[in-house]
């Protein structure tokens, strides 16, 4: 895990306000991305061996 990802993960655990703000910013940033159906998600997770 990168240093930045590690920092964000640790900070989210100890600071709920940061976690909420970070999560909302992530959602806003990604709102224009193409969506994936539930079926496509399940298929992808199975193909990756995560399900």
PDB file of N, CA and C in Angstrom:
ATOM      1  N   UNK A   1       0.852  -1.176   0.000  1.00  0.00           N
ATOM      2  CA  UNK A   1       0.000   0.000   0.000  1.00  0.00           C
ATOM      3  C   UNK A   1       0.892   1.232   0.000  1.00  0.00           C
ATOM      4  N   UNK A   2       0.510   2.203  -0.826  1.00  0.00           N
ATOM      5  CA  UNK A   2       1.311   3.423  -0.889  1.00  0.00           C
ATOM      6  C   UNK A   2       1.207   4.201   0.414  1.00  0.00           C
ATOM      7  N   UNK A   3       2.160   5.092   0.635  1.00  0.00           N
ATOM      8  CA  UNK A   3       2.149   5.909   1.847  1.00  0.00           C
ATOM      9  C   UNK A   3       0.873   6.729   1.953  1.00  0.00           C
ATOM     10  N   UNK A   4       0.429   7.291   0.828  1.00  0.00           N
ATOM     11  CA  UNK A   4      -0.780   8.112   0.843  1.00  0.00           C
ATOM     12  C   UNK A   4      -2.007   7.276   1.186  1.00  0.00           C
ATOM     13  N   UNK A   5      -2.139   6.124   0.562  1.00  0.00           N
ATOM     14  CA  UNK A   5      -3.277   5.251   0.853  1.00  0.00           C
ATOM     15  C   UNK A   5      -3.251   4.798   2.307  1.00  0.00           C
ATOM     16  N   UNK A   6      -2.078   4.500   2.818  1.00  0.00           N
ATOM     17  CA  UNK A   6      -1.934   4.093   4.208  1.00  0.00           C
ATOM     18  C   UNK A   6      -2.342   5.229   5.138  1.00  0.00           C
ATOM     19  N   UNK A   7      -1.890   6.447   4.839  1.00  0.00           N
ATOM     20  CA  UNK A   7      -2.244   7.609   5.651  1.00  0.00           C
ATOM     21  C   UNK A   7      -3.758   7.810   5.666  1.00  0.00           C
ATOM     22  N   UNK A   8      -4.375   7.765   4.487  1.00  0.00           N
ATOM     23  CA  UNK A   8      -5.824   7.974   4.400  1.00  0.00           C
ATOM     24  C   UNK A   8      -6.557   6.891   5.180  1.00  0.00           C
ATOM     25  N   UNK A   9      -6.141   5.654   5.040  1.00  0.00           N
ATOM     26  CA  UNK A   9      -6.767   4.554   5.757  1.00  0.00           C
ATOM     27  C   UNK A   9      -6.673   4.746   7.268  1.00  0.00           C
ATOM     28  N   UNK A  10      -5.497   5.087   7.754  1.00  0.00           N
ATOM     29  CA  UNK A  10      -5.305   5.300   9.192  1.00  0.00           C
ATOM     30  C   UNK A  10      -6.098   6.506   9.682  1.00  0.00           C
ATOM     31  N   UNK A  11      -6.096   7.576   8.911  1.00  0.00           N
ATOM     32  CA  UNK A  11      -6.800   8.801   9.315  1.00  0.00           C
ATOM     33  C   UNK A  11      -8.304   8.573   9.355  1.00  0.00           C
ATOM     34  N   UNK A  12      -8.838   7.806   8.399  1.00  0.00           N
ATOM     35  CA  UNK A  12     -10.264   7.512   8.387  1.00  0.00           C
ATOM     36  C   UNK A  12     -10.672   6.726   9.629  1.00  0.00           C
ATOM     37  N   UNK A  13      -9.790   5.862  10.119  1.00  0.00           N
ATOM     38  CA  UNK A  13     -10.092   5.064  11.310  1.00  0.00           C
ATOM     39  C   UNK A  13     -10.186   5.925  12.563  1.00  0.00           C
ATOM     40  N   UNK A  14      -9.356   6.957  12.655  1.00  0.00           N
ATOM     41  CA  UNK A  14      -9.328   7.738  13.894  1.00  0.00           C
ATOM     42  C   UNK A  14     -10.090   9.053  13.820  1.00  0.00           C
ATOM     43  N   UNK A  15     -10.586   9.426  12.639  1.00  0.00           N
ATOM     44  CA  UNK A  15     -11.255  10.713  12.482  1.00  0.00           C
ATOM     45  C   UNK A  15     -12.499  10.561  11.607  1.00  0.00           C
ATOM     46  N   UNK A  16     -13.656  10.299  12.230  1.00  0.00           N
ATOM     47  CA  UNK A  16     -14.886  10.074  11.457  1.00  0.00           C
ATOM     48  C   UNK A  16     -15.256  11.239  10.539  1.00  0.00           C
ATOM     49  N   UNK A  17     -15.003  12.474  10.953  1.00  0.00           N
ATOM     50  CA  UNK A  17     -15.330  13.626  10.109  1.00  0.00           C
ATOM     51  C   UNK A  17     -14.475  13.618   8.841  1.00  0.00           C
ATOM     52  N   UNK A  18     -13.215  13.267   8.976  1.00  0.00           N
ATOM     53  CA  UNK A  18     -12.330  13.157   7.812  1.00  0.00           C
ATOM     54  C   UNK A  18     -12.846  12.060   6.885  1.00  0.00           C
ATOM     55  N   UNK A  19     -13.225  10.929   7.465  1.00  0.00           N
ATOM     56  CA  UNK A  19     -13.707   9.798   6.670  1.00  0.00           C
ATOM     57  C   UNK A  19     -14.926  10.201   5.857  1.00  0.00           C
ATOM     58  N   UNK A  20     -15.878  10.885   6.480  1.00  0.00           N
ATOM     59  CA  UNK A  20     -17.086  11.302   5.776  1.00  0.00           C
ATOM     60  C   UNK A  20     -16.748  12.291   4.666  1.00  0.00           C
ATOM     61  N   UNK A  21     -15.926  13.273   4.978  1.00  0.00           N
ATOM     62  CA  UNK A  21     -15.537  14.266   3.966  1.00  0.00           C
ATOM     63  C   UNK A  21     -14.787  13.627   2.814  1.00  0.00           C
ATOM     64  N   UNK A  22     -13.893  12.713   3.135  1.00  0.00           N
ATOM     65  CA  UNK A  22     -13.111  12.037   2.101  1.00  0.00           C
ATOM     66  C   UNK A  22     -14.023  11.194   1.213  1.00  0.00           C
ATOM     67  N   UNK A  23     -14.930  10.459   1.839  1.00  0.00           N
ATOM     68  CA  UNK A  23     -15.832   9.605   1.077  1.00  0.00           C
ATOM     69  C   UNK A  23     -16.760  10.427   0.177  1.00  0.00           C
ATOM     70  N   UNK A  24     -17.264  11.554   0.686  1.00  0.00           N
ATOM     71  CA  UNK A  24     -18.127  12.409  -0.130  1.00  0.00           C
ATOM     72  C   UNK A  24     -17.354  13.028  -1.291  1.00  0.00           C
ATOM     73  N   UNK A  25     -16.118  13.403  -1.044  1.00  0.00           N
ATOM     74  CA  UNK A  25     -15.286  13.968  -2.118  1.00  0.00           C
ATOM     75  C   UNK A  25     -15.026  12.918  -3.193  1.00  0.00           C
ATOM     76  N   UNK A  26     -14.813  11.691  -2.782  1.00  0.00           N
ATOM     77  CA  UNK A  26     -14.578  10.606  -3.734  1.00  0.00           C
ATOM     78  C   UNK A  26     -15.820  10.366  -4.587  1.00  0.00           C
ATOM     79  N   UNK A  27     -16.982  10.374  -3.951  1.00  0.00           N
ATOM     80  CA  UNK A  27     -18.234  10.176  -4.686  1.00  0.00           C
ATOM     81  C   UNK A  27     -18.437  11.312  -5.696  1.00  0.00           C
ATOM     82  N   UNK A  28     -18.226  12.536  -5.259  1.00  0.00           N
ATOM     83  CA  UNK A  28     -18.399  13.689  -6.154  1.00  0.00           C
ATOM     84  C   UNK A  28     -17.430  13.623  -7.328  1.00  0.00           C
ATOM     85  N   UNK A  29     -16.219  13.207  -7.045  1.00  0.00           N
ATOM     86  CA  UNK A  29     -15.192  13.117  -8.087  1.00  0.00           C
ATOM     87  C   UNK A  29     -15.541  12.068  -9.131  1.00  0.00           C
ATOM     88  N   UNK A  30     -16.207  11.004  -8.705  1.00  0.00           N
ATOM     89  CA  UNK A  30     -16.475   9.879  -9.606  1.00  0.00           C
ATOM     90  C   UNK A  30     -17.889   9.869 -10.169  1.00  0.00           C
ATOM     91  N   UNK A  31     -18.690  10.880  -9.890  1.00  0.00           N
ATOM     92  CA  UNK A  31     -20.101  10.852 -10.282  1.00  0.00           C
ATOM     93  C   UNK A  31     -20.323  10.790 -11.786  1.00  0.00           C
ATOM     94  N   UNK A  32     -19.365  11.245 -12.576  1.00  0.00           N
ATOM     95  CA  UNK A  32     -19.529  11.232 -14.034  1.00  0.00           C
ATOM     96  C   UNK A  32     -18.990   9.969 -14.692  1.00  0.00           C
ATOM     97  N   UNK A  33     -18.458   9.063 -13.892  1.00  0.00           N
ATOM     98  CA  UNK A  33     -17.932   7.818 -14.458  1.00  0.00           C
ATOM     99  C   UNK A  33     -19.072   6.899 -14.884  1.00  0.00           C
ATOM    100  N   UNK A  34     -18.769   6.057 -15.832  1.00  0.00           N
ATOM    101  CA  UNK A  34     -19.749   5.089 -16.305  1.00  0.00           C
ATOM    102  C   UNK A  34     -20.087   4.112 -15.180  1.00  0.00           C
ATOM    103  N   UNK A  35     -21.353   3.728 -15.107  1.00  0.00           N
ATOM    104  CA  UNK A  35     -21.777   2.790 -14.063  1.00  0.00           C
ATOM    105  C   UNK A  35     -21.613   1.352 -14.544  1.00  0.00           C
ATOM    106  N   UNK A  36     -21.656   0.436 -13.597  1.00  0.00           N
ATOM    107  CA  UNK A  36     -21.548  -0.990 -13.878  1.00  0.00           C
ATOM    108  C   UNK A  36     -22.755  -1.666 -13.245  1.00  0.00           C
ATOM    109  N   UNK A  37     -23.397  -2.544 -13.989  1.00  0.00           N
ATOM    110  CA  UNK A  37     -24.557  -3.245 -13.439  1.00  0.00           C
ATOM    111  C   UNK A  37     -24.102  -4.239 -12.372  1.00  0.00           C
ATOM    112  N   UNK A  38     -25.046  -4.643 -11.551  1.00  0.00           N
ATOM    113  CA  UNK A  38     -24.754  -5.616 -10.495  1.00  0.00           C
ATOM    114  C   UNK A  38     -24.231  -6.911 -11.101  1.00  0.00           C
ATOM    115  N   UNK A  39     -24.841  -7.337 -12.182  1.00  0.00           N
ATOM    116  CA  UNK A  39     -24.418  -8.576 -12.840  1.00  0.00           C
ATOM    117  C   UNK A  39     -22.975  -8.465 -13.349  1.00  0.00           C
ATOM    118  N   UNK A  40     -22.643  -7.310 -13.931  1.00  0.00           N
ATOM    119  CA  UNK A  40     -21.275  -7.095 -14.425  1.00  0.00           C
ATOM    120  C   UNK A  40     -20.275  -7.081 -13.271  1.00  0.00           C
ATOM    121  N   UNK A  41     -20.660  -6.487 -12.162  1.00  0.00           N
ATOM    122  CA  UNK A  41     -19.793  -6.447 -10.983  1.00  0.00           C
ATOM    123  C   UNK A  41     -19.520  -7.852 -10.467  1.00  0.00           C
ATOM    124  N   UNK A  42     -20.557  -8.655 -10.332  1.00  0.00           N
ATOM    125  CA  UNK A  42     -20.397 -10.031  -9.858  1.00  0.00           C
ATOM    126  C   UNK A  42     -19.505 -10.823 -10.808  1.00  0.00           C
ATOM    127  N   UNK A  43     -19.738 -10.685 -12.107  1.00  0.00           N
ATOM    128  CA  UNK A  43     -18.929 -11.387 -13.111  1.00  0.00           C
ATOM    129  C   UNK A  43     -17.455 -10.992 -12.988  1.00  0.00           C
ATOM    130  N   UNK A  44     -17.191  -9.695 -12.829  1.00  0.00           N
ATOM    131  CA  UNK A  44     -15.826  -9.198 -12.701  1.00  0.00           C
ATOM    132  C   UNK A  44     -15.155  -9.714 -11.432  1.00  0.00           C
ATOM    133  N   UNK A  45     -15.892  -9.698 -10.323  1.00  0.00           N
ATOM    134  CA  UNK A  45     -15.322 -10.176  -9.053  1.00  0.00           C
ATOM    135  C   UNK A  45     -15.014 -11.680  -9.127  1.00  0.00           C
ATOM    136  N   UNK A  46     -15.876 -12.432  -9.763  1.00  0.00           N
ATOM    137  CA  UNK A  46     -15.631 -13.870  -9.925  1.00  0.00           C
ATOM    138  C   UNK A  46     -14.408 -14.107 -10.803  1.00  0.00           C
ATOM    139  N   UNK A  47     -14.297 -13.338 -11.881  1.00  0.00           N
ATOM    140  CA  UNK A  47     -13.160 -13.487 -12.807  1.00  0.00           C
ATOM    141  C   UNK A  47     -11.843 -13.164 -12.095  1.00  0.00           C
ATOM    142  N   UNK A  48     -11.884 -12.218 -11.160  1.00  0.00           N
ATOM    143  CA  UNK A  48     -10.680 -11.837 -10.417  1.00  0.00           C
ATOM    144  C   UNK A  48     -10.418 -12.748  -9.220  1.00  0.00           C
ATOM    145  N   UNK A  49     -11.326 -13.725  -8.982  1.00  0.00           N
ATOM    146  CA  UNK A  49     -11.142 -14.641  -7.864  1.00  0.00           C
ATOM    147  C   UNK A  49     -11.454 -14.021  -6.515  1.00  0.00           C
ATOM    148  N   UNK A  50     -12.199 -12.935  -6.517  1.00  0.00           N
ATOM    149  CA  UNK A  50     -12.518 -12.249  -5.263  1.00  0.00           C
ATOM    150  C   UNK A  50     -13.885 -12.636  -4.733  1.00  0.00           C
ATOM    151  N   UNK A  51     -14.558 -13.490  -5.462  1.00  0.00           N
ATOM    152  CA  UNK A  51     -15.883 -13.927  -5.025  1.00  0.00           C
ATOM    153  C   UNK A  51     -16.055 -15.392  -5.320  1.00  0.00           C
TER     154      UNK A  51
END
